[in-house]
Protein backbone atom coordinates (compact mmCIF):
# COMPACT_ATOMS: atom_id res chain seq x y z
CA MET A 1 -1.71 -15.10 -9.40
CA ASP A 2 1.84 -14.09 -8.56
CA LEU A 3 2.05 -11.71 -5.62
CA GLY A 4 5.81 -11.96 -5.36
CA LEU A 5 5.80 -14.18 -2.28
CA ARG A 6 8.15 -16.87 -3.60
CA GLY A 7 11.20 -16.99 -1.36
CA LYS A 8 9.57 -14.84 1.33
CA VAL A 9 9.19 -15.99 4.92
CA ALA A 10 5.91 -15.34 6.74
CA LEU A 11 5.25 -15.74 10.47
CA VAL A 12 1.61 -16.24 11.44
CA THR A 13 0.91 -15.96 15.17
CA GLY A 14 -1.98 -18.13 16.26
CA GLY A 15 -1.38 -20.16 13.13
CA SER A 16 -2.46 -23.54 14.44
CA ARG A 17 -6.22 -23.06 14.08
CA GLY A 18 -9.01 -21.04 12.54
CA ILE A 19 -8.19 -17.83 10.73
CA GLY A 20 -4.45 -18.19 11.39
CA ARG A 21 -4.44 -21.61 9.80
CA ALA A 22 -6.37 -20.34 6.76
CA ILE A 23 -3.96 -17.41 6.36
CA GLY A 24 -1.00 -19.79 6.63
CA VAL A 25 -2.45 -22.08 3.95
CA ALA A 26 -3.11 -19.10 1.66
CA LEU A 27 0.40 -17.69 2.11
CA GLY A 28 1.94 -21.12 1.49
CA LYS A 29 -0.15 -21.59 -1.63
CA LEU A 30 1.13 -18.23 -2.89
CA GLY A 31 4.74 -19.34 -2.41
CA ALA A 32 5.81 -18.00 0.98
CA LYS A 33 7.51 -20.28 3.49
CA VAL A 34 5.18 -20.18 6.48
CA VAL A 35 6.15 -20.27 10.15
CA LEU A 36 3.05 -21.19 12.14
CA ASN A 37 3.14 -20.02 15.74
CA TYR A 38 1.27 -21.87 18.46
CA SER A 39 1.32 -21.71 22.24
CA SER A 40 0.16 -25.11 23.41
CA ASN A 41 -1.53 -27.39 20.87
CA GLU A 42 1.35 -29.02 19.01
CA ALA A 43 -0.94 -31.51 17.24
CA ALA A 44 -3.11 -28.71 15.80
CA ALA A 45 0.03 -26.86 14.67
CA ALA A 46 1.31 -30.01 12.92
CA GLU A 47 -2.07 -30.45 11.21
CA SER A 48 -1.92 -26.83 10.03
CA ALA A 49 1.59 -27.34 8.65
CA ALA A 50 0.31 -30.43 6.82
CA ALA A 51 -2.56 -28.35 5.40
CA VAL A 52 -0.04 -25.81 4.08
CA ALA A 53 1.94 -28.65 2.47
CA ALA A 54 -1.25 -30.13 0.97
CA ALA A 55 -1.90 -26.74 -0.65
CA GLY A 56 1.56 -26.85 -2.23
CA GLY A 57 3.42 -24.74 0.34
CA VAL A 58 6.13 -25.24 2.91
CA ALA A 59 5.55 -24.70 6.62
CA VAL A 60 7.26 -25.14 9.95
CA THR A 61 5.85 -24.69 13.43
CA LYS A 62 7.22 -22.50 16.20
CA ARG A 63 6.05 -22.60 19.79
CA PHE A 64 6.14 -19.36 21.77
CA ASP A 65 3.79 -17.22 23.84
CA VAL A 66 3.05 -13.85 22.21
CA ALA A 67 2.21 -12.45 25.66
CA ASP A 68 5.87 -12.90 26.68
CA PRO A 69 8.05 -10.17 25.09
CA ALA A 70 11.28 -12.09 25.74
CA ALA A 71 9.84 -15.19 24.06
CA VAL A 72 8.74 -13.10 21.07
CA ASP A 73 12.20 -11.54 20.70
CA ALA A 74 13.88 -14.94 20.95
CA ALA A 75 11.46 -16.46 18.43
CA PHE A 76 12.09 -13.68 15.90
CA LYS A 77 15.84 -14.18 16.22
CA GLU A 78 15.48 -17.95 15.83
CA VAL A 79 13.28 -17.59 12.74
CA VAL A 80 15.72 -15.18 11.10
CA ALA A 81 18.67 -17.43 11.99
CA ALA A 82 16.92 -20.52 10.59
CA GLU A 83 15.30 -18.94 7.51
CA GLY A 84 17.68 -16.10 6.68
CA ALA A 85 15.02 -13.39 6.96
CA LEU A 86 11.48 -12.59 8.03
CA HIS A 87 9.42 -10.67 5.49
CA ILE A 88 5.79 -10.97 6.56
CA LEU A 89 4.15 -10.89 9.98
CA VAL A 90 0.50 -11.74 10.54
CA ASN A 91 -0.34 -10.84 14.14
CA ASN A 92 -3.34 -13.13 14.54
CA ALA A 93 -2.88 -14.67 18.01
CA GLY A 94 -5.65 -14.10 20.50
CA VAL A 95 -7.54 -15.66 23.35
CA ALA A 96 -11.18 -16.66 23.22
CA VAL A 97 -12.71 -17.21 26.63
CA ASN A 98 -16.25 -17.85 27.74
CA THR A 99 -16.52 -15.28 30.54
CA LEU A 100 -19.62 -16.93 31.99
CA VAL A 101 -17.70 -20.04 32.98
CA LEU A 102 -17.28 -20.30 36.76
CA GLY A 103 -17.92 -16.58 37.24
CA ALA A 104 -14.39 -15.79 36.13
CA GLY A 105 -15.41 -12.88 33.89
CA ARG A 106 -13.19 -9.98 34.99
CA ARG A 107 -10.06 -12.06 35.62
CA LEU A 108 -10.25 -13.79 32.23
CA ASN A 109 -11.13 -10.59 30.40
CA ARG A 110 -8.02 -8.97 31.88
CA SER A 111 -5.95 -11.94 30.72
CA GLY A 112 -7.20 -11.53 27.15
CA TYR A 113 -6.56 -7.80 27.29
CA SER A 114 -3.05 -8.39 28.59
CA ILE A 115 -2.22 -10.77 25.73
CA SER A 116 -3.64 -8.37 23.17
CA GLN A 117 -1.75 -5.36 24.50
CA THR A 118 1.49 -7.24 25.13
CA SER A 119 1.51 -8.75 21.65
CA LYS A 120 0.91 -5.33 20.10
CA ARG A 121 3.90 -3.96 22.00
CA SER A 122 6.21 -6.92 21.65
CA ILE A 123 5.57 -7.78 18.03
CA SER A 124 6.71 -4.65 16.32
CA PHE A 125 8.32 -5.47 13.03
CA HIS A 126 11.24 -3.48 11.69
CA PRO A 127 12.18 -4.89 8.26
CA GLY A 128 15.78 -3.67 8.41
CA SER A 129 16.48 -5.56 11.62
CA HIS A 130 15.14 -8.97 10.54
CA GLY A 131 17.08 -9.95 7.46
CA ARG A 132 16.74 -8.98 3.83
């Protein structure tokens, strides 16, 4: 199936594990060059990039925190500079926390909310400003 993804660049936030990894593999298999974002687990990100390659795609990893608007802006600029454009954004990053652990419920829930809201604000994609 040709979805016209050959030559396109896709950024998948939270791409080192789970759903993000599966999306990255699927996009790579369909011909997109995949940039897999991760925040801390470099080994998992490398394994995900290898899974994209095993599926016939091409992937690179990019470490940045989606909760940090300045880091997101810098990452977008770096991706466009390195790849020539950014065509697809999959905003998958999130935080899973067991709120029963150590009675930290409210504090950790606020942290997850902050990341969700910050990433929604900071990752707004404007095709005209990010390459062809």
